[in-house]
Amino acid sequence: MKKLFLSLCAMLMVSLCACSDDDVTIKYSEVPAPVKTFVETYFPGVNVKHVRVDRYETNSEYDLYLEKGIEIEIHADGVWDNIESRRVGIPASLLPKAAQTYISTNYPDRRILEVDQNTYGYEVELDKRIELIFGADGEFRGIDR
């Protein structure tokens, strides 16, 4: 029984160590310059309230929580994955010109609430639950239903 108990304790310790995460809270002053430049360019005057960093072997990803309910997932090099802002909206200038033009022409009274960026392009959520898909070049691809 004692061996079984010790074996279970050892397995528990190994799994706890394996599951430890490298997600830590840091100060905004510790964020790399490209990340700060991004925030100051697209969200000027909006204070960063909280920063969490996920450290990986080859890269770090930062989760920034700004005032006004703005959340940004961004890499150390300033390339972002996701931006969400349910209250004040997201500036269209984050998107390629073709996507900006499409949105302003077809949805002039809609706010951008969330944008996902990946290798294939952009998924843009507008208010009223409208989800648009754009290619990497900003060309309209369709509506996500």
C-alpha atoms as a PDB file:
ATOM      1  CA  MET A   1       0.000   0.000   0.000  1.00  0.00           C
ATOM      2  CA  LYS A   2       2.853   2.332   0.863  1.00  0.00           C
ATOM      3  CA  LYS A   3       4.479   1.720  -2.566  1.00  0.00           C
ATOM      4  CA  LEU A   4       1.180   2.448  -4.297  1.00  0.00           C
ATOM      5  CA  PHE A   5       0.795   5.690  -2.349  1.00  0.00           C
ATOM      6  CA  LEU A   6       4.360   6.779  -3.153  1.00  0.00           C
ATOM      7  CA  SER A   7       3.862   5.903  -6.825  1.00  0.00           C
ATOM      8  CA  LEU A   8       0.676   7.973  -6.967  1.00  0.00           C
ATOM      9  CA  CYS A   9       2.426  10.907  -5.272  1.00  0.00           C
ATOM     10  CA  ALA A  10       5.305  10.694  -7.748  1.00  0.00           C
ATOM     11  CA  MET A  11       2.901  10.612 -10.702  1.00  0.00           C
ATOM     12  CA  LEU A  12       1.019  13.588  -9.300  1.00  0.00           C
ATOM     13  CA  MET A  13       4.227  15.601  -8.904  1.00  0.00           C
ATOM     14  CA  VAL A  14       5.311  14.797 -12.472  1.00  0.00           C
ATOM     15  CA  SER A  15       1.953  15.807 -13.914  1.00  0.00           C
ATOM     16  CA  LEU A  16       1.886  19.032 -11.887  1.00  0.00           C
ATOM     17  CA  CYS A  17       5.345  19.968 -13.165  1.00  0.00           C
ATOM     18  CA  ALA A  18       4.367  19.112 -16.727  1.00  0.00           C
ATOM     19  CA  CYS A  19       1.250  21.264 -16.460  1.00  0.00           C
ATOM     20  CA  SER A  20       2.982  24.300 -15.004  1.00  0.00           C
ATOM     21  CA  ASP A  21       2.420  27.159 -17.335  1.00  0.00           C
ATOM     22  CA  ASP A  22       4.684  29.985 -18.311  1.00  0.00           C
ATOM     23  CA  ASP A  23       1.831  32.488 -18.265  1.00  0.00           C
ATOM     24  CA  VAL A  24       2.879  35.353 -16.007  1.00  0.00           C
ATOM     25  CA  THR A  25       1.761  38.899 -15.280  1.00  0.00           C
ATOM     26  CA  ILE A  26       4.234  41.649 -16.160  1.00  0.00           C
ATOM     27  CA  LYS A  27       4.286  45.439 -16.152  1.00  0.00           C
ATOM     28  CA  TYR A  28       3.512  47.315 -19.361  1.00  0.00           C
ATOM     29  CA  SER A  29       6.982  48.868 -19.141  1.00  0.00           C
ATOM     30  CA  GLU A  30       8.426  45.353 -19.681  1.00  0.00           C
ATOM     31  CA  VAL A  31       6.606  44.833 -22.989  1.00  0.00           C
ATOM     32  CA  PRO A  32       8.813  44.883 -26.128  1.00  0.00           C
ATOM     33  CA  ALA A  33       8.966  48.102 -28.160  1.00  0.00           C
ATOM     34  CA  PRO A  34       7.022  46.712 -31.192  1.00  0.00           C
ATOM     35  CA  VAL A  35       4.080  45.889 -28.921  1.00  0.00           C
ATOM     36  CA  LYS A  36       4.129  49.357 -27.346  1.00  0.00           C
ATOM     37  CA  THR A  37       4.341  50.960 -30.799  1.00  0.00           C
ATOM     38  CA  PHE A  38       1.289  48.983 -31.907  1.00  0.00           C
ATOM     39  CA  VAL A  39      -0.757  50.047 -28.869  1.00  0.00           C
ATOM     40  CA  GLU A  40       0.272  53.693 -29.138  1.00  0.00           C
ATOM     41  CA  THR A  41      -0.455  53.765 -32.893  1.00  0.00           C
ATOM     42  CA  TYR A  42      -3.896  52.157 -32.903  1.00  0.00           C
ATOM     43  CA  PHE A  43      -5.139  52.921 -29.386  1.00  0.00           C
ATOM     44  CA  PRO A  44      -3.591  56.286 -28.482  1.00  0.00           C
ATOM     45  CA  GLY A  45      -4.484  57.600 -25.062  1.00  0.00           C
ATOM     46  CA  VAL A  46      -5.957  54.276 -23.909  1.00  0.00           C
ATOM     47  CA  ASN A  47      -4.232  52.973 -20.796  1.00  0.00           C
ATOM     48  CA  VAL A  48      -3.029  49.385 -20.509  1.00  0.00           C
ATOM     49  CA  LYS A  49      -4.451  47.961 -17.290  1.00  0.00           C
ATOM     50  CA  HIS A  50      -2.978  44.462 -17.257  1.00  0.00           C
ATOM     51  CA  VAL A  51      -0.449  42.399 -19.251  1.00  0.00           C
ATOM     52  CA  ARG A  52       0.034  38.640 -19.281  1.00  0.00           C
ATOM     53  CA  VAL A  53       2.779  36.944 -21.234  1.00  0.00           C
ATOM     54  CA  ASP A  54       2.905  33.344 -22.442  1.00  0.00           C
ATOM     55  CA  ARG A  55       6.528  32.382 -22.946  1.00  0.00           C
ATOM     56  CA  TYR A  56       7.192  29.699 -25.521  1.00  0.00           C
ATOM     57  CA  GLU A  57      10.498  28.242 -26.672  1.00  0.00           C
ATOM     58  CA  THR A  58      10.702  30.412 -29.775  1.00  0.00           C
ATOM     59  CA  ASN A  59       8.306  33.283 -29.100  1.00  0.00           C
ATOM     60  CA  SER A  60       6.311  35.116 -26.475  1.00  0.00           C
ATOM     61  CA  GLU A  61       2.670  36.097 -26.834  1.00  0.00           C
ATOM     62  CA  TYR A  62       1.268  39.009 -24.880  1.00  0.00           C
ATOM     63  CA  ASP A  63      -2.329  39.407 -23.735  1.00  0.00           C
ATOM     64  CA  LEU A  64      -2.981  43.084 -23.142  1.00  0.00           C
ATOM     65  CA  TYR A  65      -6.061  44.323 -21.326  1.00  0.00           C
ATOM     66  CA  LEU A  66      -6.719  47.992 -21.965  1.00  0.00           C
ATOM     67  CA  GLU A  67      -9.292  50.422 -20.634  1.00  0.00           C
ATOM     68  CA  LYS A  68     -12.652  50.488 -22.374  1.00  0.00           C
ATOM     69  CA  GLY A  69     -12.747  46.680 -22.571  1.00  0.00           C
ATOM     70  CA  ILE A  70     -10.099  46.333 -25.277  1.00  0.00           C
ATOM     71  CA  GLU A  71      -8.164  43.048 -25.372  1.00  0.00           C
ATOM     72  CA  ILE A  72      -5.200  42.367 -27.669  1.00  0.00           C
ATOM     73  CA  GLU A  73      -3.298  39.127 -28.328  1.00  0.00           C
ATOM     74  CA  ILE A  74       0.034  40.102 -29.854  1.00  0.00           C
ATOM     75  CA  HIS A  75       3.506  38.615 -30.357  1.00  0.00           C
ATOM     76  CA  ALA A  76       6.781  40.213 -29.253  1.00  0.00           C
ATOM     77  CA  ASP A  77       7.461  41.346 -32.835  1.00  0.00           C
ATOM     78  CA  GLY A  78       4.226  43.369 -32.907  1.00  0.00           C
ATOM     79  CA  VAL A  79       2.224  40.927 -35.058  1.00  0.00           C
ATOM     80  CA  TRP A  80      -1.226  40.528 -33.554  1.00  0.00           C
ATOM     81  CA  ASP A  81      -3.573  37.522 -33.638  1.00  0.00           C
ATOM     82  CA  ASN A  82      -6.782  38.830 -32.093  1.00  0.00           C
ATOM     83  CA  ILE A  83      -8.248  42.139 -31.000  1.00  0.00           C
ATOM     84  CA  GLU A  84     -11.570  42.479 -29.230  1.00  0.00           C
ATOM     85  CA  SER A  85     -13.446  45.559 -28.093  1.00  0.00           C
ATOM     86  CA  ARG A  86     -17.120  45.131 -27.326  1.00  0.00           C
ATOM     87  CA  ARG A  87     -17.658  48.677 -26.034  1.00  0.00           C
ATOM     88  CA  VAL A  88     -15.794  51.152 -28.226  1.00  0.00           C
ATOM     89  CA  GLY A  89     -14.986  49.219 -31.381  1.00  0.00           C
ATOM     90  CA  ILE A  90     -11.719  48.606 -33.198  1.00  0.00           C
ATOM     91  CA  PRO A  91     -10.146  51.022 -35.690  1.00  0.00           C
ATOM     92  CA  ALA A  92     -10.602  49.863 -39.288  1.00  0.00           C
ATOM     93  CA  SER A  93      -7.072  51.099 -40.003  1.00  0.00           C
ATOM     94  CA  LEU A  94      -5.825  47.763 -38.600  1.00  0.00           C
ATOM     95  CA  LEU A  95      -7.123  46.090 -41.748  1.00  0.00           C
ATOM     96  CA  PRO A  96      -5.817  46.222 -45.318  1.00  0.00           C
ATOM     97  CA  LYS A  97      -7.224  49.073 -47.416  1.00  0.00           C
ATOM     98  CA  ALA A  98      -9.521  46.777 -49.451  1.00  0.00           C
ATOM     99  CA  ALA A  99     -11.194  45.478 -46.270  1.00  0.00           C
ATOM    100  CA  GLN A 100     -11.553  49.010 -44.903  1.00  0.00           C
ATOM    101  CA  THR A 101     -13.230  50.122 -48.120  1.00  0.00           C
ATOM    102  CA  TYR A 102     -15.567  47.106 -48.191  1.00  0.00           C
ATOM    103  CA  ILE A 103     -16.702  47.668 -44.608  1.00  0.00           C
ATOM    104  CA  SER A 104     -17.166  51.436 -44.941  1.00  0.00           C
ATOM    105  CA  THR A 105     -19.119  50.989 -48.204  1.00  0.00           C
ATOM    106  CA  ASN A 106     -21.347  48.070 -47.191  1.00  0.00           C
ATOM    107  CA  TYR A 107     -21.625  48.557 -43.423  1.00  0.00           C
ATOM    108  CA  PRO A 108     -21.090  52.290 -42.809  1.00  0.00           C
ATOM    109  CA  ASP A 109     -22.977  52.352 -39.504  1.00  0.00           C
ATOM    110  CA  ARG A 110     -21.431  49.221 -37.984  1.00  0.00           C
ATOM    111  CA  ARG A 111     -18.636  49.027 -35.427  1.00  0.00           C
ATOM    112  CA  ILE A 112     -15.850  46.457 -35.625  1.00  0.00           C
ATOM    113  CA  LEU A 113     -16.005  44.441 -32.399  1.00  0.00           C
ATOM    114  CA  GLU A 114     -13.428  41.720 -33.027  1.00  0.00           C
ATOM    115  CA  VAL A 115     -10.748  40.878 -35.564  1.00  0.00           C
ATOM    116  CA  ASP A 116      -8.820  37.611 -35.908  1.00  0.00           C
ATOM    117  CA  GLN A 117      -5.748  37.596 -38.109  1.00  0.00           C
ATOM    118  CA  ASN A 118      -4.170  34.397 -39.414  1.00  0.00           C
ATOM    119  CA  THR A 119      -2.092  33.280 -42.401  1.00  0.00           C
ATOM    120  CA  TYR A 120      -5.201  33.089 -44.582  1.00  0.00           C
ATOM    121  CA  GLY A 121      -6.521  36.538 -43.806  1.00  0.00           C
ATOM    122  CA  TYR A 122      -8.949  38.190 -41.436  1.00  0.00           C
ATOM    123  CA  GLU A 123     -12.205  37.337 -39.715  1.00  0.00           C
ATOM    124  CA  VAL A 124     -14.033  40.504 -38.745  1.00  0.00           C
ATOM    125  CA  GLU A 125     -17.019  40.625 -36.428  1.00  0.00           C
ATOM    126  CA  LEU A 126     -19.221  43.698 -36.635  1.00  0.00           C
ATOM    127  CA  ASP A 127     -22.033  44.603 -34.288  1.00  0.00           C
ATOM    128  CA  LYS A 128     -25.412  43.003 -35.062  1.00  0.00           C
ATOM    129  CA  ARG A 129     -23.541  39.652 -35.291  1.00  0.00           C
ATOM    130  CA  ILE A 130     -22.216  40.206 -38.790  1.00  0.00           C
ATOM    131  CA  GLU A 131     -19.072  38.180 -39.458  1.00  0.00           C
ATOM    132  CA  LEU A 132     -17.023  38.936 -42.560  1.00  0.00           C
ATOM    133  CA  ILE A 133     -14.087  37.016 -44.015  1.00  0.00           C
ATOM    134  CA  PHE A 134     -11.261  38.726 -45.904  1.00  0.00           C
ATOM    135  CA  GLY A 135      -8.175  37.324 -47.579  1.00  0.00           C
ATOM    136  CA  ALA A 136      -4.678  38.343 -46.496  1.00  0.00           C
ATOM    137  CA  ASP A 137      -4.809  41.044 -49.179  1.00  0.00           C
ATOM    138  CA  GLY A 138      -8.034  42.449 -47.697  1.00  0.00           C
ATOM    139  CA  GLU A 139     -10.281  41.229 -50.507  1.00  0.00           C
ATOM    140  CA  PHE A 140     -13.773  40.210 -49.369  1.00  0.00           C
ATOM    141  CA  ARG A 141     -14.205  36.401 -49.332  1.00  0.00           C
ATOM    142  CA  GLY A 142     -17.627  35.971 -47.761  1.00  0.00           C
ATOM    143  CA  ILE A 143     -19.912  36.157 -44.778  1.00  0.00           C
ATOM    144  CA  ASP A 144     -19.462  33.605 -41.997  1.00  0.00           C
ATOM    145  CA  ARG A 145     -22.886  32.262 -41.126  1.00  0.00           C
END
